[in-house]
Amino acid sequence: MTHRIKAILVDKDGLTQREAQIAALLCEGLSNKAIARRLAVKLCTVHKHLEHVYAKLECQQHEFDSRCAAIATLFRRGMVSFTCDEGA
């Protein structure tokens, strides 16, 4: 049996539904490419949504630093919660 950590945004704080969904997947540690595959969207779409997430969370636009800053901001604001899914 495998377990997978699932992130849930409990407070969207100005994020759209899609931005919140992408932010949660970001917190789960998925790469941009993996997020695009999971949501069946183009990679450029994920990039655009992440730009909006970074801006709304007031993170810098450097890719690695923005990802880390966004996750840290979501934690600090209490916007994200985690559950453990059991898989087969």
PDB file of N, CA and C in Angstrom:
ATOM      1  N   MET A   1       0.844  -1.177   0.000  1.00  0.00           N
ATOM      2  CA  MET A   1       0.000   0.000   0.000  1.00  0.00           C
ATOM      3  C   MET A   1       0.891   1.243   0.000  1.00  0.00           C
ATOM      4  N   THR A   2       0.558   2.202  -0.850  1.00  0.00           N
ATOM      5  CA  THR A   2       1.311   3.449  -0.909  1.00  0.00           C
ATOM      6  C   THR A   2       0.473   4.587  -0.348  1.00  0.00           C
ATOM      7  N   HIS A   3       1.160   5.579   0.135  1.00  0.00           N
ATOM      8  CA  HIS A   3       0.500   6.766   0.665  1.00  0.00           C
ATOM      9  C   HIS A   3       0.971   7.974  -0.121  1.00  0.00           C
ATOM     10  N   ARG A   4       0.062   8.896  -0.341  1.00  0.00           N
ATOM     11  CA  ARG A   4       0.393  10.116  -1.063  1.00  0.00           C
ATOM     12  C   ARG A   4      -0.121  11.297  -0.260  1.00  0.00           C
ATOM     13  N   ILE A   5       0.737  12.259  -0.051  1.00  0.00           N
ATOM     14  CA  ILE A   5       0.343  13.478   0.652  1.00  0.00           C
ATOM     15  C   ILE A   5      -0.438  14.349  -0.319  1.00  0.00           C
ATOM     16  N   LYS A   6      -1.582  14.830   0.122  1.00  0.00           N
ATOM     17  CA  LYS A   6      -2.408  15.701  -0.710  1.00  0.00           C
ATOM     18  C   LYS A   6      -2.555  17.046   0.001  1.00  0.00           C
ATOM     19  N   ALA A   7      -2.260  18.123  -0.718  1.00  0.00           N
ATOM     20  CA  ALA A   7      -2.403  19.476  -0.181  1.00  0.00           C
ATOM     21  C   ALA A   7      -3.771  20.022  -0.556  1.00  0.00           C
ATOM     22  N   ILE A   8      -4.391  20.702   0.380  1.00  0.00           N
ATOM     23  CA  ILE A   8      -5.694  21.324   0.153  1.00  0.00           C
ATOM     24  C   ILE A   8      -5.601  22.773   0.601  1.00  0.00           C
ATOM     25  N   LEU A   9      -5.995  23.688  -0.274  1.00  0.00           N
ATOM     26  CA  LEU A   9      -6.029  25.088   0.128  1.00  0.00           C
ATOM     27  C   LEU A   9      -7.314  25.337   0.899  1.00  0.00           C
ATOM     28  N   VAL A  10      -7.178  25.640   2.173  1.00  0.00           N
ATOM     29  CA  VAL A  10      -8.345  25.861   3.028  1.00  0.00           C
ATOM     30  C   VAL A  10      -8.804  27.308   2.981  1.00  0.00           C
ATOM     31  N   ASP A  11      -7.938  28.189   2.516  1.00  0.00           N
ATOM     32  CA  ASP A  11      -8.276  29.607   2.392  1.00  0.00           C
ATOM     33  C   ASP A  11      -7.646  30.099   1.097  1.00  0.00           C
ATOM     34  N   LYS A  12      -8.467  30.470   0.139  1.00  0.00           N
ATOM     35  CA  LYS A  12      -7.952  30.886  -1.174  1.00  0.00           C
ATOM     36  C   LYS A  12      -7.405  32.306  -1.166  1.00  0.00           C
ATOM     37  N   ASP A  13      -7.867  33.152  -0.253  1.00  0.00           N
ATOM     38  CA  ASP A  13      -7.345  34.507  -0.079  1.00  0.00           C
ATOM     39  C   ASP A  13      -7.089  35.230  -1.396  1.00  0.00           C
ATOM     40  N   GLY A  14      -8.110  35.298  -2.248  1.00  0.00           N
ATOM     41  CA  GLY A  14      -8.005  36.049  -3.498  1.00  0.00           C
ATOM     42  C   GLY A  14      -7.574  35.236  -4.704  1.00  0.00           C
ATOM     43  N   LEU A  15      -7.219  33.971  -4.509  1.00  0.00           N
ATOM     44  CA  LEU A  15      -6.832  33.134  -5.637  1.00  0.00           C
ATOM     45  C   LEU A  15      -8.086  32.590  -6.319  1.00  0.00           C
ATOM     46  N   THR A  16      -8.017  32.457  -7.635  1.00  0.00           N
ATOM     47  CA  THR A  16      -9.120  31.831  -8.353  1.00  0.00           C
ATOM     48  C   THR A  16      -9.113  30.332  -8.038  1.00  0.00           C
ATOM     49  N   GLN A  17     -10.170  29.648  -8.444  1.00  0.00           N
ATOM     50  CA  GLN A  17     -10.252  28.206  -8.214  1.00  0.00           C
ATOM     51  C   GLN A  17      -9.063  27.486  -8.853  1.00  0.00           C
ATOM     52  N   ARG A  18      -8.716  27.829 -10.094  1.00  0.00           N
ATOM     53  CA  ARG A  18      -7.608  27.175 -10.795  1.00  0.00           C
ATOM     54  C   ARG A  18      -6.272  27.536 -10.159  1.00  0.00           C
ATOM     55  N   GLU A  19      -6.100  28.797  -9.767  1.00  0.00           N
ATOM     56  CA  GLU A  19      -4.859  29.195  -9.097  1.00  0.00           C
ATOM     57  C   GLU A  19      -4.692  28.438  -7.786  1.00  0.00           C
ATOM     58  N   ALA A  20      -5.779  28.270  -7.046  1.00  0.00           N
ATOM     59  CA  ALA A  20      -5.737  27.530  -5.782  1.00  0.00           C
ATOM     60  C   ALA A  20      -5.379  26.069  -6.036  1.00  0.00           C
ATOM     61  N   GLN A  21      -5.938  25.501  -7.081  1.00  0.00           N
ATOM     62  CA  GLN A  21      -5.655  24.110  -7.436  1.00  0.00           C
ATOM     63  C   GLN A  21      -4.170  23.943  -7.779  1.00  0.00           C
ATOM     64  N   ILE A  22      -3.643  24.864  -8.551  1.00  0.00           N
ATOM     65  CA  ILE A  22      -2.233  24.803  -8.937  1.00  0.00           C
ATOM     66  C   ILE A  22      -1.335  25.061  -7.729  1.00  0.00           C
ATOM     67  N   ALA A  23      -1.713  25.980  -6.859  1.00  0.00           N
ATOM     68  CA  ALA A  23      -0.932  26.249  -5.653  1.00  0.00           C
ATOM     69  C   ALA A  23      -0.881  25.012  -4.757  1.00  0.00           C
ATOM     70  N   ALA A  24      -1.990  24.288  -4.647  1.00  0.00           N
ATOM     71  CA  ALA A  24      -2.015  23.062  -3.845  1.00  0.00           C
ATOM     72  C   ALA A  24      -1.069  22.021  -4.438  1.00  0.00           C
ATOM     73  N   LEU A  25      -1.082  21.869  -5.757  1.00  0.00           N
ATOM     74  CA  LEU A  25      -0.192  20.906  -6.404  1.00  0.00           C
ATOM     75  C   LEU A  25       1.271  21.327  -6.252  1.00  0.00           C
ATOM     76  N   LEU A  26       1.503  22.619  -6.250  1.00  0.00           N
ATOM     77  CA  LEU A  26       2.839  23.150  -6.003  1.00  0.00           C
ATOM     78  C   LEU A  26       3.310  22.722  -4.616  1.00  0.00           C
ATOM     79  N   CYS A  27       2.423  22.821  -3.629  1.00  0.00           N
ATOM     80  CA  CYS A  27       2.746  22.427  -2.257  1.00  0.00           C
ATOM     81  C   CYS A  27       2.993  20.922  -2.129  1.00  0.00           C
ATOM     82  N   GLU A  28       2.411  20.145  -3.027  1.00  0.00           N
ATOM     83  CA  GLU A  28       2.642  18.698  -3.025  1.00  0.00           C
ATOM     84  C   GLU A  28       3.991  18.351  -3.636  1.00  0.00           C
ATOM     85  N   GLY A  29       4.666  19.355  -4.196  1.00  0.00           N
ATOM     86  CA  GLY A  29       5.994  19.143  -4.751  1.00  0.00           C
ATOM     87  C   GLY A  29       6.020  18.804  -6.227  1.00  0.00           C
ATOM     88  N   LEU A  30       4.892  18.948  -6.913  1.00  0.00           N
ATOM     89  CA  LEU A  30       4.858  18.634  -8.344  1.00  0.00           C
ATOM     90  C   LEU A  30       5.582  19.708  -9.146  1.00  0.00           C
ATOM     91  N   SER A  31       6.251  19.274 -10.193  1.00  0.00           N
ATOM     92  CA  SER A  31       6.903  20.213 -11.109  1.00  0.00           C
ATOM     93  C   SER A  31       5.828  20.864 -11.982  1.00  0.00           C
ATOM     94  N   ASN A  32       6.207  21.920 -12.668  1.00  0.00           N
ATOM     95  CA  ASN A  32       5.262  22.573 -13.575  1.00  0.00           C
ATOM     96  C   ASN A  32       4.753  21.592 -14.626  1.00  0.00           C
ATOM     97  N   LYS A  33       5.659  20.773 -15.152  1.00  0.00           N
ATOM     98  CA  LYS A  33       5.281  19.798 -16.172  1.00  0.00           C
ATOM     99  C   LYS A  33       4.297  18.770 -15.596  1.00  0.00           C
ATOM    100  N   ALA A  34       4.543  18.320 -14.367  1.00  0.00           N
ATOM    101  CA  ALA A  34       3.648  17.347 -13.724  1.00  0.00           C
ATOM    102  C   ALA A  34       2.280  17.968 -13.440  1.00  0.00           C
ATOM    103  N   ILE A  35       2.263  19.242 -13.055  1.00  0.00           N
ATOM    104  CA  ILE A  35       0.993  19.943 -12.827  1.00  0.00           C
ATOM    105  C   ILE A  35       0.211  20.017 -14.132  1.00  0.00           C
ATOM    106  N   ALA A  36       0.887  20.359 -15.215  1.00  0.00           N
ATOM    107  CA  ALA A  36       0.233  20.451 -16.526  1.00  0.00           C
ATOM    108  C   ALA A  36      -0.363  19.104 -16.920  1.00  0.00           C
ATOM    109  N   ARG A  37       0.400  18.026 -16.712  1.00  0.00           N
ATOM    110  CA  ARG A  37      -0.114  16.693 -17.037  1.00  0.00           C
ATOM    111  C   ARG A  37      -1.315  16.337 -16.170  1.00  0.00           C
ATOM    112  N   ARG A  38      -1.223  16.608 -14.875  1.00  0.00           N
ATOM    113  CA  ARG A  38      -2.304  16.265 -13.945  1.00  0.00           C
ATOM    114  C   ARG A  38      -3.597  16.980 -14.310  1.00  0.00           C
ATOM    115  N   LEU A  39      -3.479  18.254 -14.722  1.00  0.00           N
ATOM    116  CA  LEU A  39      -4.666  19.058 -15.022  1.00  0.00           C
ATOM    117  C   LEU A  39      -5.038  19.051 -16.504  1.00  0.00           C
ATOM    118  N   ALA A  40      -4.248  18.350 -17.306  1.00  0.00           N
ATOM    119  CA  ALA A  40      -4.483  18.269 -18.756  1.00  0.00           C
ATOM    120  C   ALA A  40      -4.538  19.655 -19.400  1.00  0.00           C
ATOM    121  N   VAL A  41      -3.537  20.471 -19.059  1.00  0.00           N
ATOM    122  CA  VAL A  41      -3.407  21.804 -19.652  1.00  0.00           C
ATOM    123  C   VAL A  41      -1.988  21.950 -20.192  1.00  0.00           C
ATOM    124  N   LYS A  42      -1.770  22.992 -20.977  1.00  0.00           N
ATOM    125  CA  LYS A  42      -0.442  23.259 -21.526  1.00  0.00           C
ATOM    126  C   LYS A  42       0.476  23.808 -20.439  1.00  0.00           C
ATOM    127  N   LEU A  43       1.758  23.564 -20.605  1.00  0.00           N
ATOM    128  CA  LEU A  43       2.753  24.042 -19.659  1.00  0.00           C
ATOM    129  C   LEU A  43       2.722  25.566 -19.549  1.00  0.00           C
ATOM    130  N   CYS A  44       2.509  26.259 -20.670  1.00  0.00           N
ATOM    131  CA  CYS A  44       2.460  27.721 -20.627  1.00  0.00           C
ATOM    132  C   CYS A  44       1.269  28.209 -19.799  1.00  0.00           C
ATOM    133  N   THR A  45       0.198  27.426 -19.753  1.00  0.00           N
ATOM    134  CA  THR A  45      -0.966  27.778 -18.932  1.00  0.00           C
ATOM    135  C   THR A  45      -0.603  27.703 -17.453  1.00  0.00           C
ATOM    136  N   VAL A  46       0.121  26.660 -17.087  1.00  0.00           N
ATOM    137  CA  VAL A  46       0.579  26.524 -15.693  1.00  0.00           C
ATOM    138  C   VAL A  46       1.478  27.695 -15.339  1.00  0.00           C
ATOM    139  N   HIS A  47       2.403  28.047 -16.222  1.00  0.00           N
ATOM    140  CA  HIS A  47       3.308  29.182 -15.968  1.00  0.00           C
ATOM    141  C   HIS A  47       2.521  30.467 -15.730  1.00  0.00           C
ATOM    142  N   LYS A  48       1.509  30.706 -16.543  1.00  0.00           N
ATOM    143  CA  LYS A  48       0.717  31.931 -16.414  1.00  0.00           C
ATOM    144  C   LYS A  48      -0.037  31.960 -15.085  1.00  0.00           C
ATOM    145  N   HIS A  49      -0.648  30.831 -14.718  1.00  0.00           N
ATOM    146  CA  HIS A  49      -1.359  30.767 -13.432  1.00  0.00           C
ATOM    147  C   HIS A  49      -0.393  30.959 -12.264  1.00  0.00           C
ATOM    148  N   LEU A  50       0.797  30.362 -12.362  1.00  0.00           N
ATOM    149  CA  LEU A  50       1.780  30.531 -11.290  1.00  0.00           C
ATOM    150  C   LEU A  50       2.238  31.980 -11.192  1.00  0.00           C
ATOM    151  N   GLU A  51       2.363  32.669 -12.319  1.00  0.00           N
ATOM    152  CA  GLU A  51       2.691  34.103 -12.278  1.00  0.00           C
ATOM    153  C   GLU A  51       1.650  34.852 -11.453  1.00  0.00           C
ATOM    154  N   HIS A  52       0.373  34.526 -11.671  1.00  0.00           N
ATOM    155  CA  HIS A  52      -0.706  35.177 -10.926  1.00  0.00           C
ATOM    156  C   HIS A  52      -0.648  34.818  -9.441  1.00  0.00           C
ATOM    157  N   VAL A  53      -0.387  33.551  -9.146  1.00  0.00           N
ATOM    158  CA  VAL A  53      -0.264  33.114  -7.750  1.00  0.00           C
ATOM    159  C   VAL A  53       0.871  33.876  -7.083  1.00  0.00           C
ATOM    160  N   TYR A  54       2.042  33.923  -7.731  1.00  0.00           N
ATOM    161  CA  TYR A  54       3.189  34.623  -7.161  1.00  0.00           C
ATOM    162  C   TYR A  54       2.874  36.098  -6.909  1.00  0.00           C
ATOM    163  N   ALA A  55       2.208  36.724  -7.864  1.00  0.00           N
ATOM    164  CA  ALA A  55       1.865  38.145  -7.721  1.00  0.00           C
ATOM    165  C   ALA A  55       0.895  38.354  -6.556  1.00  0.00           C
ATOM    166  N   LYS A  56      -0.134  37.510  -6.472  1.00  0.00           N
ATOM    167  CA  LYS A  56      -1.131  37.664  -5.405  1.00  0.00           C
ATOM    168  C   LYS A  56      -0.545  37.373  -4.033  1.00  0.00           C
ATOM    169  N   LEU A  57       0.457  36.489  -3.976  1.00  0.00           N
ATOM    170  CA  LEU A  57       1.116  36.184  -2.706  1.00  0.00           C
ATOM    171  C   LEU A  57       2.313  37.092  -2.468  1.00  0.00           C
ATOM    172  N   GLU A  58       2.563  38.005  -3.426  1.00  0.00           N
ATOM    173  CA  GLU A  58       3.653  38.978  -3.366  1.00  0.00           C
ATOM    174  C   GLU A  58       5.015  38.295  -3.286  1.00  0.00           C
ATOM    175  N   CYS A  59       5.223  37.308  -4.163  1.00  0.00           N
ATOM    176  CA  CYS A  59       6.496  36.602  -4.272  1.00  0.00           C
ATOM    177  C   CYS A  59       7.274  37.154  -5.455  1.00  0.00           C
ATOM    178  N   GLN A  60       8.582  37.030  -5.401  1.00  0.00           N
ATOM    179  CA  GLN A  60       9.426  37.479  -6.509  1.00  0.00           C
ATOM    180  C   GLN A  60       9.233  36.578  -7.716  1.00  0.00           C
ATOM    181  N   GLN A  61       9.618  37.048  -8.885  1.00  0.00           N
ATOM    182  CA  GLN A  61       9.377  36.318 -10.126  1.00  0.00           C
ATOM    183  C   GLN A  61      10.507  35.378 -10.543  1.00  0.00           C
ATOM    184  N   HIS A  62      11.521  35.168  -9.724  1.00  0.00           N
ATOM    185  CA  HIS A  62      12.546  34.175 -10.059  1.00  0.00           C
ATOM    186  C   HIS A  62      11.977  32.798  -9.775  1.00  0.00           C
ATOM    187  N   GLU A  63      12.028  31.902 -10.727  1.00  0.00           N
ATOM    188  CA  GLU A  63      11.297  30.627 -10.676  1.00  0.00           C
ATOM    189  C   GLU A  63      11.489  29.856  -9.370  1.00  0.00           C
ATOM    190  N   PHE A  64      12.719  29.493  -9.005  1.00  0.00           N
ATOM    191  CA  PHE A  64      12.931  28.669  -7.820  1.00  0.00           C
ATOM    192  C   PHE A  64      12.536  29.428  -6.557  1.00  0.00           C
ATOM    193  N   ASP A  65      12.997  30.660  -6.435  1.00  0.00           N
ATOM    194  CA  ASP A  65      12.688  31.442  -5.248  1.00  0.00           C
ATOM    195  C   ASP A  65      11.192  31.691  -5.120  1.00  0.00           C
ATOM    196  N   SER A  66      10.506  31.907  -6.245  1.00  0.00           N
ATOM    197  CA  SER A  66       9.064  32.152  -6.219  1.00  0.00           C
ATOM    198  C   SER A  66       8.316  30.924  -5.727  1.00  0.00           C
ATOM    199  N   ARG A  67       8.713  29.744  -6.175  1.00  0.00           N
ATOM    200  CA  ARG A  67       8.060  28.508  -5.735  1.00  0.00           C
ATOM    201  C   ARG A  67       8.205  28.345  -4.227  1.00  0.00           C
ATOM    202  N   CYS A  68       9.429  28.502  -3.740  1.00  0.00           N
ATOM    203  CA  CYS A  68       9.691  28.365  -2.304  1.00  0.00           C
ATOM    204  C   CYS A  68       8.952  29.436  -1.510  1.00  0.00           C
ATOM    205  N   ALA A  69       8.991  30.666  -1.992  1.00  0.00           N
ATOM    206  CA  ALA A  69       8.322  31.770  -1.302  1.00  0.00           C
ATOM    207  C   ALA A  69       6.810  31.563  -1.281  1.00  0.00           C
ATOM    208  N   ALA A  70       6.252  31.066  -2.382  1.00  0.00           N
ATOM    209  CA  ALA A  70       4.804  30.827  -2.446  1.00  0.00           C
ATOM    210  C   ALA A  70       4.392  29.759  -1.439  1.00  0.00           C
ATOM    211  N   ILE A  71       5.139  28.661  -1.393  1.00  0.00           N
ATOM    212  CA  ILE A  71       4.825  27.585  -0.443  1.00  0.00           C
ATOM    213  C   ILE A  71       4.954  28.096   0.986  1.00  0.00           C
ATOM    214  N   ALA A  72       6.033  28.822   1.278  1.00  0.00           N
ATOM    215  CA  ALA A  72       6.237  29.366   2.619  1.00  0.00           C
ATOM    216  C   ALA A  72       5.113  30.332   2.998  1.00  0.00           C
ATOM    217  N   THR A  73       4.693  31.167   2.057  1.00  0.00           N
ATOM    218  CA  THR A  73       3.615  32.127   2.318  1.00  0.00           C
ATOM    219  C   THR A  73       2.301  31.406   2.587  1.00  0.00           C
ATOM    220  N   LEU A  74       2.010  30.376   1.805  1.00  0.00           N
ATOM    221  CA  LEU A  74       0.782  29.603   2.019  1.00  0.00           C
ATOM    222  C   LEU A  74       0.772  28.975   3.408  1.00  0.00           C
ATOM    223  N   PHE A  75       1.923  28.424   3.840  1.00  0.00           N
ATOM    224  CA  PHE A  75       2.026  27.854   5.184  1.00  0.00           C
ATOM    225  C   PHE A  75       1.871  28.927   6.253  1.00  0.00           C
ATOM    226  N   ARG A  76       2.605  30.017   6.098  1.00  0.00           N
ATOM    227  CA  ARG A  76       2.610  31.084   7.100  1.00  0.00           C
ATOM    228  C   ARG A  76       1.211  31.675   7.301  1.00  0.00           C
ATOM    229  N   ARG A  77       0.458  31.799   6.209  1.00  0.00           N
ATOM    230  CA  ARG A  77      -0.893  32.356   6.294  1.00  0.00           C
ATOM    231  C   ARG A  77      -1.939  31.317   6.698  1.00  0.00           C
ATOM    232  N   GLY A  78      -1.530  30.076   6.862  1.00  0.00           N
ATOM    233  CA  GLY A  78      -2.463  29.016   7.232  1.00  0.00           C
ATOM    234  C   GLY A  78      -3.447  28.686   6.121  1.00  0.00           C
ATOM    235  N   MET A  79      -3.023  28.869   4.881  1.00  0.00           N
ATOM    236  CA  MET A  79      -3.915  28.672   3.742  1.00  0.00           C
ATOM    237  C   MET A  79      -3.933  27.234   3.233  1.00  0.00           C
ATOM    238  N   VAL A  80      -2.943  26.430   3.653  1.00  0.00           N
ATOM    239  CA  VAL A  80      -2.834  25.066   3.126  1.00  0.00           C
ATOM    240  C   VAL A  80      -2.885  24.049   4.265  1.00  0.00           C
ATOM    241  N   SER A  81      -3.522  22.925   3.963  1.00  0.00           N
ATOM    242  CA  SER A  81      -3.603  21.818   4.903  1.00  0.00           C
ATOM    243  C   SER A  81      -3.259  20.549   4.147  1.00  0.00           C
ATOM    244  N   PHE A  82      -2.822  19.527   4.855  1.00  0.00           N
ATOM    245  CA  PHE A  82      -2.416  18.286   4.200  1.00  0.00           C
ATOM    246  C   PHE A  82      -3.208  17.105   4.727  1.00  0.00           C
ATOM    247  N   THR A  83      -3.465  16.152   3.828  1.00  0.00           N
ATOM    248  CA  THR A  83      -4.078  14.883   4.192  1.00  0.00           C
ATOM    249  C   THR A  83      -3.230  13.781   3.560  1.00  0.00           C
ATOM    250  N   CYS A  84      -3.444  12.576   3.995  1.00  0.00           N
ATOM    251  CA  CYS A  84      -2.715  11.443   3.443  1.00  0.00           C
ATOM    252  C   CYS A  84      -3.710  10.527   2.746  1.00  0.00           C
ATOM    253  N   ASP A  85      -3.543  10.356   1.436  1.00  0.00           N
ATOM    254  CA  ASP A  85      -4.387   9.443   0.672  1.00  0.00           C
ATOM    255  C   ASP A  85      -3.722   8.073   0.654  1.00  0.00           C
ATOM    256  N   GLU A  86      -4.514   7.044   0.877  1.00  0.00           N
ATOM    257  CA  GLU A  86      -3.992   5.695   0.769  1.00  0.00           C
ATOM    258  C   GLU A  86      -4.318   5.172  -0.620  1.00  0.00           C
ATOM    259  N   GLY A  87      -3.317   4.623  -1.269  1.00  0.00           N
ATOM    260  CA  GLY A  87      -3.508   4.055  -2.590  1.00  0.00           C
ATOM    261  C   GLY A  87      -3.206   2.582  -2.589  1.00  0.00           C
ATOM    262  N   ALA A  88      -3.428   1.943  -3.702  1.00  0.00           N
ATOM    263  CA  ALA A  88      -3.150   0.503  -3.777  1.00  0.00           C
ATOM    264  C   ALA A  88      -1.742   0.260  -4.236  1.00  0.00           C
TER     265      ALA A  88
END
